C-alpha atoms as a PDB file:
ATOM      1  CA  MET A   1      -0.023  -0.246  -0.125  1.00  0.00           C
ATOM      2  CA  ARG A   2       1.758   3.025  -1.156  1.00  0.00           C
ATOM      3  CA  ILE A   3       1.188   6.414   0.647  1.00  0.00           C
ATOM      4  CA  LEU A   4       2.600   9.952   0.770  1.00  0.00           C
ATOM      5  CA  LEU A   5       3.674  11.365   3.946  1.00  0.00           C
ATOM      6  CA  ALA A   6       3.861  15.237   4.153  1.00  0.00           C
ATOM      7  CA  GLU A   7       5.762  16.269   7.161  1.00  0.00           C
ATOM      8  CA  ASP A   8       8.615  18.935   7.569  1.00  0.00           C
ATOM      9  CA  ASP A   9       9.574  17.820  11.003  1.00  0.00           C
ATOM     10  CA  LEU A  10      12.567  15.759  10.299  1.00  0.00           C
ATOM     11  CA  LEU A  11      12.675  13.596  13.551  1.00  0.00           C
ATOM     12  CA  LEU A  12       8.909  13.114  13.220  1.00  0.00           C
ATOM     13  CA  GLY A  13       8.806  12.387   9.539  1.00  0.00           C
ATOM     14  CA  ASP A  14      11.791   9.977   9.880  1.00  0.00           C
ATOM     15  CA  GLY A  15       9.921   8.114  12.613  1.00  0.00           C
ATOM     16  CA  LEU A  16       6.613   8.035  11.056  1.00  0.00           C
ATOM     17  CA  ARG A  17       8.050   6.632   7.669  1.00  0.00           C
ATOM     18  CA  ALA A  18      10.188   3.958   9.608  1.00  0.00           C
ATOM     19  CA  GLY A  19       7.010   2.840  11.729  1.00  0.00           C
ATOM     20  CA  LEU A  20       4.600   2.789   8.477  1.00  0.00           C
ATOM     21  CA  ARG A  21       6.988   0.814   6.690  1.00  0.00           C
ATOM     22  CA  GLN A  22       7.227  -1.637   9.723  1.00  0.00           C
ATOM     23  CA  GLN A  23       3.371  -1.865   9.250  1.00  0.00           C
ATOM     24  CA  GLY A  24       3.678  -2.858   5.552  1.00  0.00           C
ATOM     25  CA  PHE A  25       3.178   0.547   3.858  1.00  0.00           C
ATOM     26  CA  LEU A  26       5.399   1.922   1.075  1.00  0.00           C
ATOM     27  CA  VAL A  27       6.061   5.578   2.072  1.00  0.00           C
ATOM     28  CA  ASP A  28       7.112   8.378  -0.173  1.00  0.00           C
ATOM     29  CA  TRP A  29       8.047  11.423   2.017  1.00  0.00           C
ATOM     30  CA  VAL A  30       7.984  15.293   1.151  1.00  0.00           C
ATOM     31  CA  ARG A  31       8.740  18.224   3.349  1.00  0.00           C
ATOM     32  CA  ASP A  32       6.875  21.105   1.933  1.00  0.00           C
ATOM     33  CA  GLY A  33       3.367  21.924   0.779  1.00  0.00           C
ATOM     34  CA  LEU A  34       4.448  22.484  -3.068  1.00  0.00           C
ATOM     35  CA  ALA A  35       5.951  19.191  -3.090  1.00  0.00           C
ATOM     36  CA  CYS A  36       2.873  17.438  -1.534  1.00  0.00           C
ATOM     37  CA  GLU A  37       0.721  18.944  -4.004  1.00  0.00           C
ATOM     38  CA  ARG A  38       2.731  18.107  -7.066  1.00  0.00           C
ATOM     39  CA  GLU A  39       3.327  14.628  -5.978  1.00  0.00           C
ATOM     40  CA  MET A  40      -0.385  14.071  -5.201  1.00  0.00           C
ATOM     41  CA  VAL A  41      -1.333  15.379  -8.575  1.00  0.00           C
ATOM     42  CA  SER A  42       1.263  13.361 -10.570  1.00  0.00           C
ATOM     43  CA  GLY A  43       1.471  10.242  -8.380  1.00  0.00           C
ATOM     44  CA  ASP A  44      -0.708   6.970  -7.778  1.00  0.00           C
ATOM     45  CA  TYR A  45      -1.078   7.059  -3.926  1.00  0.00           C
ATOM     46  CA  GLN A  46      -3.496   5.030  -2.005  1.00  0.00           C
ATOM     47  CA  ALA A  47      -3.696   7.581   0.680  1.00  0.00           C
ATOM     48  CA  ALA A  48      -1.899  10.624   2.174  1.00  0.00           C
ATOM     49  CA  VAL A  49      -0.777  11.790   5.712  1.00  0.00           C
ATOM     50  CA  LEU A  50      -1.027  15.718   5.540  1.00  0.00           C
ATOM     51  CA  ASP A  51       0.583  17.912   8.281  1.00  0.00           C
ATOM     52  CA  LEU A  52      -0.925  21.232   8.331  1.00  0.00           C
ATOM     53  CA  GLY A  53       2.000  23.304   9.153  1.00  0.00           C
ATOM     54  CA  LEU A  54       4.043  22.792   6.065  1.00  0.00           C
ATOM     55  CA  PRO A  55       6.514  25.540   4.559  1.00  0.00           C
ATOM     56  CA  LEU A  56       5.951  26.970   1.148  1.00  0.00           C
ATOM     57  CA  LYS A  57       2.309  26.057   1.151  1.00  0.00           C
ATOM     58  CA  ASP A  58       0.284  25.370   4.216  1.00  0.00           C
ATOM     59  CA  GLY A  59      -1.421  22.058   4.433  1.00  0.00           C
ATOM     60  CA  MET A  60      -4.923  23.558   4.453  1.00  0.00           C
ATOM     61  CA  GLU A  61      -4.225  25.330   1.270  1.00  0.00           C
ATOM     62  CA  VAL A  62      -2.914  22.001  -0.230  1.00  0.00           C
ATOM     63  CA  LEU A  63      -5.822  20.208   0.668  1.00  0.00           C
ATOM     64  CA  LYS A  64      -8.109  22.785  -0.714  1.00  0.00           C
ATOM     65  CA  ALA A  65      -6.209  22.767  -3.947  1.00  0.00           C
ATOM     66  CA  LEU A  66      -6.362  19.107  -4.508  1.00  0.00           C
ATOM     67  CA  ARG A  67     -10.047  18.753  -3.848  1.00  0.00           C
ATOM     68  CA  GLN A  68     -10.503  21.689  -6.086  1.00  0.00           C
ATOM     69  CA  ARG A  69      -8.554  19.527  -8.778  1.00  0.00           C
ATOM     70  CA  LYS A  70     -10.715  16.532  -8.217  1.00  0.00           C
ATOM     71  CA  VAL A  71      -7.817  14.637  -6.350  1.00  0.00           C
ATOM     72  CA  SER A  72      -9.966  12.193  -4.493  1.00  0.00           C
ATOM     73  CA  THR A  73      -6.958  10.312  -2.806  1.00  0.00           C
ATOM     74  CA  PRO A  74      -8.006   9.839   1.061  1.00  0.00           C
ATOM     75  CA  VAL A  75      -6.164  12.344   3.082  1.00  0.00           C
ATOM     76  CA  LEU A  76      -5.566  11.997   6.653  1.00  0.00           C
ATOM     77  CA  VAL A  77      -4.522  15.207   8.449  1.00  0.00           C
ATOM     78  CA  LEU A  78      -2.137  15.303  11.440  1.00  0.00           C
ATOM     79  CA  THR A  79      -3.199  18.058  13.975  1.00  0.00           C
ATOM     80  CA  ALA A  80      -2.033  19.238  17.569  1.00  0.00           C
ATOM     81  CA  ARG A  81      -3.969  17.739  20.472  1.00  0.00           C
ATOM     82  CA  ASP A  82      -5.590  21.311  21.162  1.00  0.00           C
ATOM     83  CA  ALA A  83      -6.295  22.201  17.516  1.00  0.00           C
ATOM     84  CA  VAL A  84     -10.021  21.639  17.352  1.00  0.00           C
ATOM     85  CA  PRO A  85     -10.784  24.244  14.804  1.00  0.00           C
ATOM     86  CA  ASP A  86      -7.933  22.986  12.438  1.00  0.00           C
ATOM     87  CA  ARG A  87      -9.558  19.350  12.558  1.00  0.00           C
ATOM     88  CA  ILE A  88     -13.077  21.077  11.712  1.00  0.00           C
ATOM     89  CA  ALA A  89     -11.749  22.980   9.025  1.00  0.00           C
ATOM     90  CA  GLY A  90      -9.583  20.179   7.559  1.00  0.00           C
ATOM     91  CA  LEU A  91     -12.667  17.909   7.580  1.00  0.00           C
ATOM     92  CA  ASP A  92     -14.644  20.593   5.811  1.00  0.00           C
ATOM     93  CA  LEU A  93     -12.115  21.139   2.956  1.00  0.00           C
ATOM     94  CA  GLY A  94     -12.132  17.328   2.197  1.00  0.00           C
ATOM     95  CA  ALA A  95      -9.905  15.480   4.778  1.00  0.00           C
ATOM     96  CA  ASP A  96     -11.250  12.054   5.368  1.00  0.00           C
ATOM     97  CA  ASP A  97      -9.928  11.597   8.976  1.00  0.00           C
ATOM     98  CA  TYR A  98      -7.251  13.087  11.548  1.00  0.00           C
ATOM     99  CA  VAL A  99      -4.802  11.880  14.029  1.00  0.00           C
ATOM    100  CA  VAL A 100      -3.771  13.954  16.860  1.00  0.00           C
ATOM    101  CA  LYS A 101       0.003  14.233  17.709  1.00  0.00           C
ATOM    102  CA  PRO A 102       1.815  12.741  19.281  1.00  0.00           C
ATOM    103  CA  VAL A 103       0.909  10.060  16.771  1.00  0.00           C
ATOM    104  CA  ASP A 104       0.086   6.383  17.875  1.00  0.00           C
ATOM    105  CA  LEU A 105       1.598   4.368  14.839  1.00  0.00           C
ATOM    106  CA  ALA A 106      -0.796   1.675  15.402  1.00  0.00           C
ATOM    107  CA  GLU A 107      -3.769   3.804  15.552  1.00  0.00           C
ATOM    108  CA  LEU A 108      -2.188   5.897  12.249  1.00  0.00           C
ATOM    109  CA  ALA A 109      -1.716   2.587  10.284  1.00  0.00           C
ATOM    110  CA  ALA A 110      -5.376   1.282  11.322  1.00  0.00           C
ATOM    111  CA  ARG A 111      -7.071   4.536  10.242  1.00  0.00           C
ATOM    112  CA  LEU A 112      -4.952   4.521   6.835  1.00  0.00           C
ATOM    113  CA  ARG A 113      -5.961   0.954   6.048  1.00  0.00           C
ATOM    114  CA  SER A 114      -9.709   2.006   6.914  1.00  0.00           C
ATOM    115  CA  LEU A 115      -9.368   5.026   4.689  1.00  0.00           C
ATOM    116  CA  VAL A 116      -8.301   2.954   1.796  1.00  0.00           C
ATOM    117  CA  ARG A 117     -10.995   0.017   2.304  1.00  0.00           C
ATOM    118  CA  ARG A 118     -13.764   2.814   2.351  1.00  0.00           C
ATOM    119  CA  SER A 119     -12.394   4.303  -0.847  1.00  0.00           C
ATOM    120  CA  HIS A 120     -12.564   1.245  -2.654  1.00  0.00           C
ATOM    121  CA  GLY A 121     -15.924   0.451  -1.171  1.00  0.00           C
ATOM    122  CA  GLN A 122     -14.833  -2.129   1.175  1.00  0.00           C
ATOM    123  CA  THR A 123     -15.910  -2.222   5.018  1.00  0.00           C
ATOM    124  CA  GLN A 124     -14.042  -5.017   6.313  1.00  0.00           C
ATOM    125  CA  ASP A 125     -10.489  -6.119   7.001  1.00  0.00           C
ATOM    126  CA  THR A 126     -10.838  -9.105   5.131  1.00  0.00           C
ATOM    127  CA  LEU A 127     -11.158  -9.399   1.474  1.00  0.00           C
ATOM    128  CA  GLN A 128     -11.951 -12.459  -0.406  1.00  0.00           C
ATOM    129  CA  CYS A 129     -12.110 -13.693  -4.027  1.00  0.00           C
ATOM    130  CA  GLY A 130     -13.479 -17.221  -4.447  1.00  0.00           C
ATOM    131  CA  SER A 131     -11.657 -19.575  -2.016  1.00  0.00           C
ATOM    132  CA  VAL A 132      -8.824 -17.005  -1.488  1.00  0.00           C
ATOM    133  CA  ARG A 133      -9.125 -14.292   1.533  1.00  0.00           C
ATOM    134  CA  ILE A 134      -6.749 -11.867   2.901  1.00  0.00           C
ATOM    135  CA  HIS A 135      -6.708 -10.443   6.274  1.00  0.00           C
ATOM    136  CA  VAL A 136      -4.782  -6.946   5.525  1.00  0.00           C
ATOM    137  CA  SER A 137      -4.038  -5.840   9.019  1.00  0.00           C
ATOM    138  CA  ALA A 138      -2.386  -9.189   9.693  1.00  0.00           C
ATOM    139  CA  ARG A 139      -0.972  -9.657   6.306  1.00  0.00           C
ATOM    140  CA  GLN A 140      -1.963 -13.162   6.011  1.00  0.00           C
ATOM    141  CA  VAL A 141      -3.437 -15.042   2.954  1.00  0.00           C
ATOM    142  CA  TRP A 142      -5.592 -18.088   3.251  1.00  0.00           C
ATOM    143  CA  MET A 143      -7.035 -20.475   0.767  1.00  0.00           C
ATOM    144  CA  ASP A 144     -10.082 -22.439   2.022  1.00  0.00           C
ATOM    145  CA  ASP A 145      -8.632 -23.227   5.432  1.00  0.00           C
ATOM    146  CA  LYS A 146      -4.903 -23.371   4.837  1.00  0.00           C
ATOM    147  CA  GLN A 147      -2.601 -20.375   5.238  1.00  0.00           C
ATOM    148  CA  VAL A 148      -0.406 -19.377   2.249  1.00  0.00           C
ATOM    149  CA  THR A 149       2.949 -17.841   2.588  1.00  0.00           C
ATOM    150  CA  LEU A 150       3.546 -14.851   0.281  1.00  0.00           C
ATOM    151  CA  SER A 151       6.540 -12.658   0.064  1.00  0.00           C
ATOM    152  CA  THR A 152       5.877  -8.825   0.856  1.00  0.00           C
ATOM    153  CA  ARG A 153       5.693  -7.794  -2.652  1.00  0.00           C
ATOM    154  CA  GLU A 154       3.398 -10.838  -3.669  1.00  0.00           C
ATOM    155  CA  PHE A 155       0.934  -9.866  -0.820  1.00  0.00           C
ATOM    156  CA  ASP A 156       0.959  -6.373  -1.994  1.00  0.00           C
ATOM    157  CA  LEU A 157      -0.011  -7.206  -5.467  1.00  0.00           C
ATOM    158  CA  LEU A 158      -2.458  -9.460  -4.353  1.00  0.00           C
ATOM    159  CA  HIS A 159      -4.008  -6.822  -2.173  1.00  0.00           C
ATOM    160  CA  VAL A 160      -4.083  -4.141  -4.868  1.00  0.00           C
ATOM    161  CA  LEU A 161      -5.904  -6.580  -7.313  1.00  0.00           C
ATOM    162  CA  MET A 162      -8.267  -7.414  -4.695  1.00  0.00           C
ATOM    163  CA  LEU A 163      -9.147  -3.774  -3.722  1.00  0.00           C
ATOM    164  CA  SER A 164      -9.766  -3.183  -7.428  1.00  0.00           C
ATOM    165  CA  MET A 165     -11.634  -6.355  -8.167  1.00  0.00           C
ATOM    166  CA  GLY A 166     -13.464  -6.241 -11.583  1.00  0.00           C
ATOM    167  CA  ARG A 167     -11.156  -3.691 -12.944  1.00  0.00           C
ATOM    168  CA  VAL A 168      -8.409  -4.068 -15.238  1.00  0.00           C
ATOM    169  CA  LEU A 169      -4.975  -2.488 -14.002  1.00  0.00           C
ATOM    170  CA  SER A 170      -2.041  -2.012 -16.495  1.00  0.00           C
ATOM    171  CA  ARG A 171       1.342  -3.102 -15.460  1.00  0.00           C
ATOM    172  CA  GLU A 172       2.402   0.669 -15.217  1.00  0.00           C
ATOM    173  CA  GLN A 173      -0.612   1.168 -12.779  1.00  0.00           C
ATOM    174  CA  LEU A 174       0.534  -1.924 -10.719  1.00  0.00           C
ATOM    175  CA  GLU A 175       3.973  -0.704 -10.511  1.00  0.00           C
ATOM    176  CA  GLN A 176       3.151   2.704  -9.360  1.00  0.00           C
ATOM    177  CA  LYS A 177       1.220   1.207  -6.442  1.00  0.00           C
ATOM    178  CA  LEU A 178       3.892  -1.176  -5.607  1.00  0.00           C
ATOM    179  CA  TYR A 179       7.076   0.540  -5.752  1.00  0.00           C
ATOM    180  CA  ASN A 180       8.068   3.822  -4.121  1.00  0.00           C
ATOM    181  CA  TRP A 181      10.822   6.382  -4.991  1.00  0.00           C
ATOM    182  CA  GLY A 182      14.181   5.375  -5.765  1.00  0.00           C
ATOM    183  CA  HIS A 183      13.208   1.607  -6.387  1.00  0.00           C
ATOM    184  CA  GLU A 184      14.414   0.440  -9.757  1.00  0.00           C
ATOM    185  CA  VAL A 185      11.949  -2.127 -11.205  1.00  0.00           C
ATOM    186  CA  GLU A 186      12.774  -4.900 -13.676  1.00  0.00           C
ATOM    187  CA  SER A 187      10.773  -4.778 -16.804  1.00  0.00           C
ATOM    188  CA  ASN A 188       9.267  -8.240 -15.909  1.00  0.00           C
ATOM    189  CA  ALA A 189       8.797  -7.820 -12.095  1.00  0.00           C
ATOM    190  CA  ILE A 190       4.891  -7.771 -12.096  1.00  0.00           C
ATOM    191  CA  GLU A 191       4.712 -10.811 -14.550  1.00  0.00           C
ATOM    192  CA  VAL A 192       6.739 -12.668 -12.217  1.00  0.00           C
ATOM    193  CA  HIS A 193       4.895 -11.856  -9.066  1.00  0.00           C
ATOM    194  CA  ILE A 194       1.628 -12.682 -10.877  1.00  0.00           C
ATOM    195  CA  HIS A 195       3.415 -16.092 -12.054  1.00  0.00           C
ATOM    196  CA  HIS A 196       3.988 -16.801  -8.409  1.00  0.00           C
ATOM    197  CA  LEU A 197       0.697 -15.711  -7.071  1.00  0.00           C
ATOM    198  CA  ARG A 198      -0.902 -18.099  -9.425  1.00  0.00           C
ATOM    199  CA  ARG A 199       1.303 -21.028  -8.702  1.00  0.00           C
ATOM    200  CA  LYS A 200       1.095 -20.603  -4.868  1.00  0.00           C
ATOM    201  CA  LEU A 201      -2.744 -20.169  -4.908  1.00  0.00           C
ATOM    202  CA  TYR A 202      -4.746 -21.205  -8.249  1.00  0.00           C
ATOM    203  CA  ALA A 203      -4.114 -20.390 -12.109  1.00  0.00           C
ATOM    204  CA  ASP A 204      -7.342 -18.672 -12.937  1.00  0.00           C
ATOM    205  CA  LEU A 205      -7.475 -16.386  -9.762  1.00  0.00           C
ATOM    206  CA  ILE A 206      -5.653 -13.519 -11.787  1.00  0.00           C
ATOM    207  CA  GLN A 207      -6.998 -12.873 -15.497  1.00  0.00           C
ATOM    208  CA  THR A 208      -4.695 -11.285 -18.280  1.00  0.00           C
ATOM    209  CA  VAL A 209      -6.317  -8.963 -20.320  1.00  0.00           C
ATOM    210  CA  ARG A 210      -4.173  -9.069 -23.552  1.00  0.00           C
ATOM    211  CA  GLY A 211      -2.597  -6.048 -24.446  1.00  0.00           C
ATOM    212  CA  VAL A 212      -4.318  -4.168 -21.334  1.00  0.00           C
ATOM    213  CA  GLY A 213      -3.298  -5.727 -18.100  1.00  0.00           C
ATOM    214  CA  TYR A 214      -4.474  -7.743 -15.422  1.00  0.00           C
ATOM    215  CA  THR A 215      -7.776  -8.066 -13.286  1.00  0.00           C
ATOM    216  CA  MET A 216      -9.426 -10.520 -10.646  1.00  0.00           C
ATOM    217  CA  LEU A 217     -13.094 -11.167 -11.351  1.00  0.00           C
ATOM    218  CA  ARG A 218     -15.723 -10.913  -8.712  1.00  0.00           C
ATOM    219  CA  PRO A 219     -17.104 -14.279  -8.078  1.00  0.00           C
ATOM    220  CA  GLY A 220     -19.804 -15.046 -10.806  1.00  0.00           C
ATOM    221  CA  GLY A 221     -18.488 -12.202 -12.879  1.00  0.00           C
END
């Protein structure tokens, strides 16, 4: 799950990035409002964590600009404990949730997972397609009653495809959701991961749409 972190406090930002990575997130970190807006418009993120006190462009102005530009990516705002007016203003401008500083990483991770689920029309922590189900917060995969061991990248790919069940995603779209900045992606990486998923789960789970990309069909679809 790839997210954007916008935080100018170096100590806090470094801690949030490290902690969220331990929770299974891919994190790109920017330190000012202009960079945040640029990346949110051009990047493919499943959620963003936005501090309001950013340099160059205030977080409130960033949020307002993003919603005016129809960027619908879920945004979780970081606020000070006593900043109730900021929370209200942020929610009114289009923020989807907020977390109070100092940040509890487990709560932040849970709220991000919830935002991503809701943005895809899901309400449960468990996703299922046929006999395969995944427990997102526990990062576990089961087929029938047997737990299946996947690599980190295989799990992330399966999660992305399940969240987008019924939609076709191109290789480029999948790469943007699975790899963050500075990661050199081999040209056949997605194909290799899909091959492994088909072998570990079952061959028809992921469908290839020739010349377009990959999809998981809803049962009966």
